[in-house]
């Protein structure tokens, strides 16, 4: 059984891999790319939350989702401010 901490580390590593892969696309701005990564990360987190077994795992994933949702909101705010 995985701990919530190890799942959070895996999610973070996935986030970084996706972000790095998307930075090669010159048609999007950096903020757009981050927002896309966050959308995908949130979708994956929601799937993991729905499939999670055990109270600790479920709560750890919910905490990670809150952090990613805050980052996502920050990125959207940056897009509104930036032309």
PDB file of N, CA and C in Angstrom:
ATOM      1  N   UNK A   1       0.839  -1.185   0.000  1.00  0.00           N
ATOM      2  CA  UNK A   1       0.000   0.000   0.000  1.00  0.00           C
ATOM      3  C   UNK A   1       0.881   1.245   0.000  1.00  0.00           C
ATOM      4  N   UNK A   2       0.561   2.208  -0.819  1.00  0.00           N
ATOM      5  CA  UNK A   2       1.338   3.422  -0.907  1.00  0.00           C
ATOM      6  C   UNK A   2       0.868   4.421   0.140  1.00  0.00           C
ATOM      7  N   UNK A   3       1.793   5.204   0.620  1.00  0.00           N
ATOM      8  CA  UNK A   3       1.423   6.261   1.543  1.00  0.00           C
ATOM      9  C   UNK A   3       1.006   7.475   0.743  1.00  0.00           C
ATOM     10  N   UNK A   4       0.279   8.376   1.394  1.00  0.00           N
ATOM     11  CA  UNK A   4      -0.129   9.603   0.723  1.00  0.00           C
ATOM     12  C   UNK A   4       1.056  10.410   0.255  1.00  0.00           C
ATOM     13  N   UNK A   5       2.145  10.346   1.008  1.00  0.00           N
ATOM     14  CA  UNK A   5       3.340  11.098   0.642  1.00  0.00           C
ATOM     15  C   UNK A   5       3.959  10.562  -0.646  1.00  0.00           C
ATOM     16  N   UNK A   6       4.032   9.241  -0.783  1.00  0.00           N
ATOM     17  CA  UNK A   6       4.637   8.694  -1.998  1.00  0.00           C
ATOM     18  C   UNK A   6       3.771   8.981  -3.222  1.00  0.00           C
ATOM     19  N   UNK A   7       2.467   9.007  -3.060  1.00  0.00           N
ATOM     20  CA  UNK A   7       1.570   9.345  -4.162  1.00  0.00           C
ATOM     21  C   UNK A   7       1.765  10.807  -4.545  1.00  0.00           C
ATOM     22  N   UNK A   8       1.891  11.671  -3.558  1.00  0.00           N
ATOM     23  CA  UNK A   8       2.105  13.090  -3.830  1.00  0.00           C
ATOM     24  C   UNK A   8       3.410  13.298  -4.592  1.00  0.00           C
ATOM     25  N   UNK A   9       4.440  12.560  -4.241  1.00  0.00           N
ATOM     26  CA  UNK A   9       5.729  12.666  -4.942  1.00  0.00           C
ATOM     27  C   UNK A   9       5.571  12.218  -6.385  1.00  0.00           C
ATOM     28  N   UNK A  10       4.852  11.113  -6.619  1.00  0.00           N
ATOM     29  CA  UNK A  10       4.643  10.631  -7.988  1.00  0.00           C
ATOM     30  C   UNK A  10       3.850  11.642  -8.811  1.00  0.00           C
ATOM     31  N   UNK A  11       2.821  12.248  -8.199  1.00  0.00           N
ATOM     32  CA  UNK A  11       2.021  13.245  -8.910  1.00  0.00           C
ATOM     33  C   UNK A  11       2.891  14.436  -9.278  1.00  0.00           C
ATOM     34  N   UNK A  12       3.740  14.877  -8.349  1.00  0.00           N
ATOM     35  CA  UNK A  12       4.630  16.002  -8.609  1.00  0.00           C
ATOM     36  C   UNK A  12       5.600  15.695  -9.749  1.00  0.00           C
ATOM     37  N   UNK A  13       6.154  14.489  -9.742  1.00  0.00           N
ATOM     38  CA  UNK A  13       7.078  14.091 -10.812  1.00  0.00           C
ATOM     39  C   UNK A  13       6.358  14.063 -12.163  1.00  0.00           C
ATOM     40  N   UNK A  14       5.133  13.550 -12.172  1.00  0.00           N
ATOM     41  CA  UNK A  14       4.352  13.527 -13.411  1.00  0.00           C
ATOM     42  C   UNK A  14       4.087  14.945 -13.900  1.00  0.00           C
ATOM     43  N   UNK A  15       3.760  15.822 -12.980  1.00  0.00           N
ATOM     44  CA  UNK A  15       3.494  17.216 -13.300  1.00  0.00           C
ATOM     45  C   UNK A  15       4.714  17.836 -13.985  1.00  0.00           C
ATOM     46  N   UNK A  16       5.881  17.589 -13.425  1.00  0.00           N
ATOM     47  CA  UNK A  16       7.114  18.149 -13.979  1.00  0.00           C
ATOM     48  C   UNK A  16       7.390  17.572 -15.364  1.00  0.00           C
ATOM     49  N   UNK A  17       7.196  16.253 -15.532  1.00  0.00           N
ATOM     50  CA  UNK A  17       7.426  15.633 -16.844  1.00  0.00           C
ATOM     51  C   UNK A  17       6.507  16.211 -17.905  1.00  0.00           C
ATOM     52  N   UNK A  18       5.250  16.386 -17.557  1.00  0.00           N
ATOM     53  CA  UNK A  18       4.291  16.943 -18.514  1.00  0.00           C
ATOM     54  C   UNK A  18       4.677  18.381 -18.846  1.00  0.00           C
ATOM     55  N   UNK A  19       5.038  19.146 -17.836  1.00  0.00           N
ATOM     56  CA  UNK A  19       5.418  20.538 -18.051  1.00  0.00           C
ATOM     57  C   UNK A  19       6.627  20.639 -18.973  1.00  0.00           C
ATOM     58  N   UNK A  20       7.624  19.812 -18.748  1.00  0.00           N
ATOM     59  CA  UNK A  20       8.827  19.826 -19.581  1.00  0.00           C
ATOM     60  C   UNK A  20       8.473  19.446 -21.020  1.00  0.00           C
ATOM     61  N   UNK A  21       7.639  18.440 -21.187  1.00  0.00           N
ATOM     62  CA  UNK A  21       7.258  17.994 -22.528  1.00  0.00           C
ATOM     63  C   UNK A  21       6.511  19.088 -23.296  1.00  0.00           C
ATOM     64  N   UNK A  22       5.725  19.867 -22.594  1.00  0.00           N
ATOM     65  CA  UNK A  22       4.916  20.881 -23.262  1.00  0.00           C
ATOM     66  C   UNK A  22       5.695  22.153 -23.574  1.00  0.00           C
ATOM     67  N   UNK A  23       6.816  22.370 -22.941  1.00  0.00           N
ATOM     68  CA  UNK A  23       7.552  23.610 -23.172  1.00  0.00           C
ATOM     69  C   UNK A  23       8.157  23.684 -24.565  1.00  0.00           C
ATOM     70  N   UNK A  24       8.186  22.569 -25.281  1.00  0.00           N
ATOM     71  CA  UNK A  24       8.735  22.594 -26.636  1.00  0.00           C
ATOM     72  C   UNK A  24       7.724  23.117 -27.656  1.00  0.00           C
ATOM     73  N   UNK A  25       6.476  23.275 -27.270  1.00  0.00           N
ATOM     74  CA  UNK A  25       5.434  23.772 -28.169  1.00  0.00           C
ATOM     75  C   UNK A  25       5.495  25.303 -28.204  1.00  0.00           C
ATOM     76  N   UNK A  26       5.980  25.848 -29.300  1.00  0.00           N
ATOM     77  CA  UNK A  26       6.182  27.294 -29.394  1.00  0.00           C
ATOM     78  C   UNK A  26       4.893  28.070 -29.642  1.00  0.00           C
ATOM     79  N   UNK A  27       3.793  27.384 -29.913  1.00  0.00           N
ATOM     80  CA  UNK A  27       2.532  28.071 -30.206  1.00  0.00           C
ATOM     81  C   UNK A  27       1.788  28.520 -28.961  1.00  0.00           C
ATOM     82  N   UNK A  28       2.210  28.067 -27.817  1.00  0.00           N
ATOM     83  CA  UNK A  28       1.531  28.440 -26.574  1.00  0.00           C
ATOM     84  C   UNK A  28       2.459  29.262 -25.692  1.00  0.00           C
ATOM     85  N   UNK A  29       1.877  30.129 -24.926  1.00  0.00           N
ATOM     86  CA  UNK A  29       2.687  30.855 -23.957  1.00  0.00           C
ATOM     87  C   UNK A  29       2.952  29.943 -22.771  1.00  0.00           C
ATOM     88  N   UNK A  30       3.902  30.329 -21.963  1.00  0.00           N
ATOM     89  CA  UNK A  30       4.258  29.551 -20.777  1.00  0.00           C
ATOM     90  C   UNK A  30       3.064  29.381 -19.844  1.00  0.00           C
ATOM     91  N   UNK A  31       2.301  30.439 -19.635  1.00  0.00           N
ATOM     92  CA  UNK A  31       1.132  30.368 -18.752  1.00  0.00           C
ATOM     93  C   UNK A  31       0.088  29.416 -19.328  1.00  0.00           C
ATOM     94  N   UNK A  32      -0.130  29.462 -20.624  1.00  0.00           N
ATOM     95  CA  UNK A  32      -1.069  28.539 -21.270  1.00  0.00           C
ATOM     96  C   UNK A  32      -0.638  27.095 -21.056  1.00  0.00           C
ATOM     97  N   UNK A  33       0.647  26.855 -21.205  1.00  0.00           N
ATOM     98  CA  UNK A  33       1.171  25.502 -21.026  1.00  0.00           C
ATOM     99  C   UNK A  33       0.962  25.023 -19.591  1.00  0.00           C
ATOM    100  N   UNK A  34       1.263  25.873 -18.644  1.00  0.00           N
ATOM    101  CA  UNK A  34       1.062  25.489 -17.239  1.00  0.00           C
ATOM    102  C   UNK A  34      -0.405  25.209 -16.944  1.00  0.00           C
ATOM    103  N   UNK A  35      -1.282  26.019 -17.497  1.00  0.00           N
ATOM    104  CA  UNK A  35      -2.707  25.807 -17.268  1.00  0.00           C
ATOM    105  C   UNK A  35      -3.162  24.469 -17.859  1.00  0.00           C
ATOM    106  N   UNK A  36      -2.646  24.117 -19.029  1.00  0.00           N
ATOM    107  CA  UNK A  36      -2.983  22.831 -19.630  1.00  0.00           C
ATOM    108  C   UNK A  36      -2.477  21.670 -18.769  1.00  0.00           C
ATOM    109  N   UNK A  37      -1.264  21.809 -18.251  1.00  0.00           N
ATOM    110  CA  UNK A  37      -0.705  20.780 -17.378  1.00  0.00           C
ATOM    111  C   UNK A  37      -1.566  20.637 -16.120  1.00  0.00           C
ATOM    112  N   UNK A  38      -1.961  21.759 -15.572  1.00  0.00           N
ATOM    113  CA  UNK A  38      -2.793  21.717 -14.371  1.00  0.00           C
ATOM    114  C   UNK A  38      -4.145  21.069 -14.654  1.00  0.00           C
ATOM    115  N   UNK A  39      -4.738  21.359 -15.814  1.00  0.00           N
ATOM    116  CA  UNK A  39      -6.005  20.704 -16.188  1.00  0.00           C
ATOM    117  C   UNK A  39      -5.841  19.185 -16.216  1.00  0.00           C
ATOM    118  N   UNK A  40      -4.778  18.725 -16.863  1.00  0.00           N
ATOM    119  CA  UNK A  40      -4.529  17.286 -16.966  1.00  0.00           C
ATOM    120  C   UNK A  40      -4.223  16.682 -15.597  1.00  0.00           C
ATOM    121  N   UNK A  41      -3.444  17.407 -14.807  1.00  0.00           N
ATOM    122  CA  UNK A  41      -3.104  16.923 -13.469  1.00  0.00           C
ATOM    123  C   UNK A  41      -4.349  16.817 -12.607  1.00  0.00           C
ATOM    124  N   UNK A  42      -5.216  17.819 -12.671  1.00  0.00           N
ATOM    125  CA  UNK A  42      -6.463  17.775 -11.897  1.00  0.00           C
ATOM    126  C   UNK A  42      -7.354  16.617 -12.344  1.00  0.00           C
ATOM    127  N   UNK A  43      -7.426  16.380 -13.639  1.00  0.00           N
ATOM    128  CA  UNK A  43      -8.232  15.256 -14.140  1.00  0.00           C
ATOM    129  C   UNK A  43      -7.673  13.932 -13.625  1.00  0.00           C
ATOM    130  N   UNK A  44      -6.350  13.782 -13.671  1.00  0.00           N
ATOM    131  CA  UNK A  44      -5.729  12.555 -13.156  1.00  0.00           C
ATOM    132  C   UNK A  44      -5.917  12.416 -11.656  1.00  0.00           C
ATOM    133  N   UNK A  45      -5.817  13.527 -10.948  1.00  0.00           N
ATOM    134  CA  UNK A  45      -6.038  13.482  -9.504  1.00  0.00           C
ATOM    135  C   UNK A  45      -7.477  13.075  -9.180  1.00  0.00           C
ATOM    136  N   UNK A  46      -8.422  13.618  -9.919  1.00  0.00           N
ATOM    137  CA  UNK A  46      -9.821  13.252  -9.684  1.00  0.00           C
ATOM    138  C   UNK A  46     -10.042  11.763  -9.920  1.00  0.00           C
ATOM    139  N   UNK A  47      -9.424  11.223 -10.958  1.00  0.00           N
ATOM    140  CA  UNK A  47      -9.517   9.778 -11.206  1.00  0.00           C
ATOM    141  C   UNK A  47      -8.908   8.990 -10.049  1.00  0.00           C
ATOM    142  N   UNK A  48      -7.744   9.449  -9.586  1.00  0.00           N
ATOM    143  CA  UNK A  48      -7.082   8.758  -8.474  1.00  0.00           C
ATOM    144  C   UNK A  48      -7.899   8.850  -7.197  1.00  0.00           C
ATOM    145  N   UNK A  49      -8.514   9.995  -6.952  1.00  0.00           N
ATOM    146  CA  UNK A  49      -9.351  10.159  -5.764  1.00  0.00           C
ATOM    147  C   UNK A  49     -10.537   9.207  -5.828  1.00  0.00           C
ATOM    148  N   UNK A  50     -11.163   9.123  -6.980  1.00  0.00           N
ATOM    149  CA  UNK A  50     -12.316   8.234  -7.137  1.00  0.00           C
ATOM    150  C   UNK A  50     -11.935   6.769  -6.981  1.00  0.00           C
ATOM    151  N   UNK A  51     -10.706   6.425  -7.349  1.00  0.00           N
ATOM    152  CA  UNK A  51     -10.267   5.030  -7.274  1.00  0.00           C
ATOM    153  C   UNK A  51      -9.539   4.706  -5.967  1.00  0.00           C
ATOM    154  N   UNK A  52      -9.285   5.732  -5.159  1.00  0.00           N
ATOM    155  CA  UNK A  52      -8.464   5.517  -3.967  1.00  0.00           C
ATOM    156  C   UNK A  52      -9.178   4.646  -2.947  1.00  0.00           C
ATOM    157  N   UNK A  53      -8.357   3.860  -2.287  1.00  0.00           N
ATOM    158  CA  UNK A  53      -8.848   3.023  -1.213  1.00  0.00           C
ATOM    159  C   UNK A  53      -8.100   3.415   0.047  1.00  0.00           C
ATOM    160  N   UNK A  54      -8.798   3.535   1.095  1.00  0.00           N
ATOM    161  CA  UNK A  54      -8.163   3.897   2.356  1.00  0.00           C
ATOM    162  C   UNK A  54      -8.285   5.376   2.647  1.00  0.00           C
ATOM    163  N   UNK A  55      -8.539   5.655   3.882  1.00  0.00           N
ATOM    164  CA  UNK A  55      -8.764   7.021   4.346  1.00  0.00           C
ATOM    165  C   UNK A  55      -7.538   7.903   4.136  1.00  0.00           C
ATOM    166  N   UNK A  56      -6.349   7.421   4.518  1.00  0.00           N
ATOM    167  CA  UNK A  56      -5.123   8.223   4.422  1.00  0.00           C
ATOM    168  C   UNK A  56      -4.795   8.584   2.971  1.00  0.00           C
ATOM    169  N   UNK A  57      -4.904   7.616   2.100  1.00  0.00           N
ATOM    170  CA  UNK A  57      -4.626   7.848   0.673  1.00  0.00           C
ATOM    171  C   UNK A  57      -5.611   8.868   0.104  1.00  0.00           C
ATOM    172  N   UNK A  58      -6.884   8.684   0.393  1.00  0.00           N
ATOM    173  CA  UNK A  58      -7.928   9.572  -0.104  1.00  0.00           C
ATOM    174  C   UNK A  58      -7.680  11.010   0.369  1.00  0.00           C
ATOM    175  N   UNK A  59      -7.383  11.166   1.641  1.00  0.00           N
ATOM    176  CA  UNK A  59      -7.141  12.508   2.187  1.00  0.00           C
ATOM    177  C   UNK A  59      -5.879  13.142   1.629  1.00  0.00           C
ATOM    178  N   UNK A  60      -4.832  12.347   1.429  1.00  0.00           N
ATOM    179  CA  UNK A  60      -3.597  12.880   0.852  1.00  0.00           C
ATOM    180  C   UNK A  60      -3.862  13.403  -0.558  1.00  0.00           C
ATOM    181  N   UNK A  61      -4.615  12.657  -1.338  1.00  0.00           N
ATOM    182  CA  UNK A  61      -4.939  13.090  -2.703  1.00  0.00           C
ATOM    183  C   UNK A  61      -5.800  14.349  -2.695  1.00  0.00           C
ATOM    184  N   UNK A  62      -6.720  14.444  -1.748  1.00  0.00           N
ATOM    185  CA  UNK A  62      -7.544  15.649  -1.640  1.00  0.00           C
ATOM    186  C   UNK A  62      -6.685  16.871  -1.314  1.00  0.00           C
ATOM    187  N   UNK A  63      -5.699  16.708  -0.448  1.00  0.00           N
ATOM    188  CA  UNK A  63      -4.801  17.818  -0.100  1.00  0.00           C
ATOM    189  C   UNK A  63      -3.975  18.240  -1.315  1.00  0.00           C
ATOM    190  N   UNK A  64      -3.475  17.280  -2.068  1.00  0.00           N
ATOM    191  CA  UNK A  64      -2.701  17.600  -3.272  1.00  0.00           C
ATOM    192  C   UNK A  64      -3.588  18.327  -4.276  1.00  0.00           C
ATOM    193  N   UNK A  65      -4.828  17.865  -4.413  1.00  0.00           N
ATOM    194  CA  UNK A  65      -5.748  18.514  -5.362  1.00  0.00           C
ATOM    195  C   UNK A  65      -5.990  19.973  -4.983  1.00  0.00           C
ATOM    196  N   UNK A  66      -6.115  20.263  -3.690  1.00  0.00           N
ATOM    197  CA  UNK A  66      -6.314  21.648  -3.260  1.00  0.00           C
ATOM    198  C   UNK A  66      -5.138  22.530  -3.659  1.00  0.00           C
ATOM    199  N   UNK A  67      -3.920  22.011  -3.533  1.00  0.00           N
ATOM    200  CA  UNK A  67      -2.730  22.773  -3.916  1.00  0.00           C
ATOM    201  C   UNK A  67      -2.741  23.040  -5.418  1.00  0.00           C
ATOM    202  N   UNK A  68      -3.030  22.003  -6.199  1.00  0.00           N
ATOM    203  CA  UNK A  68      -3.046  22.158  -7.663  1.00  0.00           C
ATOM    204  C   UNK A  68      -4.168  23.104  -8.084  1.00  0.00           C
ATOM    205  N   UNK A  69      -5.324  23.031  -7.417  1.00  0.00           N
ATOM    206  CA  UNK A  69      -6.422  23.937  -7.746  1.00  0.00           C
ATOM    207  C   UNK A  69      -6.034  25.387  -7.474  1.00  0.00           C
ATOM    208  N   UNK A  70      -5.300  25.622  -6.395  1.00  0.00           N
ATOM    209  CA  UNK A  70      -4.848  26.979  -6.101  1.00  0.00           C
ATOM    210  C   UNK A  70      -3.879  27.458  -7.184  1.00  0.00           C
ATOM    211  N   UNK A  71      -2.941  26.606  -7.564  1.00  0.00           N
ATOM    212  CA  UNK A  71      -2.008  26.958  -8.645  1.00  0.00           C
ATOM    213  C   UNK A  71      -2.768  27.255  -9.927  1.00  0.00           C
ATOM    214  N   UNK A  72      -3.772  26.460 -10.199  1.00  0.00           N
ATOM    215  CA  UNK A  72      -4.580  26.630 -11.404  1.00  0.00           C
ATOM    216  C   UNK A  72      -5.280  27.993 -11.384  1.00  0.00           C
ATOM    217  N   UNK A  73      -5.826  28.350 -10.254  1.00  0.00           N
ATOM    218  CA  UNK A  73      -6.463  29.659 -10.111  1.00  0.00           C
ATOM    219  C   UNK A  73      -5.466  30.793 -10.299  1.00  0.00           C
ATOM    220  N   UNK A  74      -4.265  30.615  -9.766  1.00  0.00           N
ATOM    221  CA  UNK A  74      -3.219  31.621  -9.936  1.00  0.00           C
ATOM    222  C   UNK A  74      -2.854  31.791 -11.412  1.00  0.00           C
ATOM    223  N   UNK A  75      -2.761  30.689 -12.157  1.00  0.00           N
ATOM    224  CA  UNK A  75      -2.431  30.752 -13.584  1.00  0.00           C
ATOM    225  C   UNK A  75      -3.535  31.475 -14.350  1.00  0.00           C
ATOM    226  N   UNK A  76      -4.790  31.178 -14.015  1.00  0.00           N
ATOM    227  CA  UNK A  76      -5.898  31.859 -14.687  1.00  0.00           C
ATOM    228  C   UNK A  76      -5.863  33.361 -14.415  1.00  0.00           C
ATOM    229  N   UNK A  77      -5.530  33.720 -13.181  1.00  0.00           N
ATOM    230  CA  UNK A  77      -5.421  35.140 -12.832  1.00  0.00           C
ATOM    231  C   UNK A  77      -4.300  35.806 -13.623  1.00  0.00           C
ATOM    232  N   UNK A  78      -3.192  35.112 -13.827  1.00  0.00           N
ATOM    233  CA  UNK A  78      -2.100  35.663 -14.612  1.00  0.00           C
ATOM    234  C   UNK A  78      -2.512  35.872 -16.068  1.00  0.00           C
ATOM    235  N   UNK A  79      -3.324  34.972 -16.591  1.00  0.00           N
ATOM    236  CA  UNK A  79      -3.776  35.123 -17.982  1.00  0.00           C
ATOM    237  C   UNK A  79      -4.681  36.340 -18.133  1.00  0.00           C
ATOM    238  N   UNK A  80      -5.480  36.600 -17.123  1.00  0.00           N
ATOM    239  CA  UNK A  80      -6.382  37.754 -17.169  1.00  0.00           C
ATOM    240  C   UNK A  80      -5.579  39.044 -17.131  1.00  0.00           C
ATOM    241  N   UNK A  81      -4.528  39.072 -16.315  1.00  0.00           N
ATOM    242  CA  UNK A  81      -3.692  40.255 -16.178  1.00  0.00           C
ATOM    243  C   UNK A  81      -2.806  40.451 -17.398  1.00  0.00           C
ATOM    244  N   UNK A  82      -2.265  39.343 -17.955  1.00  0.00           N
ATOM    245  CA  UNK A  82      -1.366  39.420 -19.100  1.00  0.00           C
ATOM    246  C   UNK A  82      -2.164  39.480 -20.396  1.00  0.00           C
ATOM    247  N   UNK A  83      -1.716  40.264 -21.349  1.00  0.00           N
ATOM    248  CA  UNK A  83      -2.419  40.299 -22.649  1.00  0.00           C
ATOM    249  C   UNK A  83      -2.137  39.055 -23.451  1.00  0.00           C
TER     250      UNK A  83
END
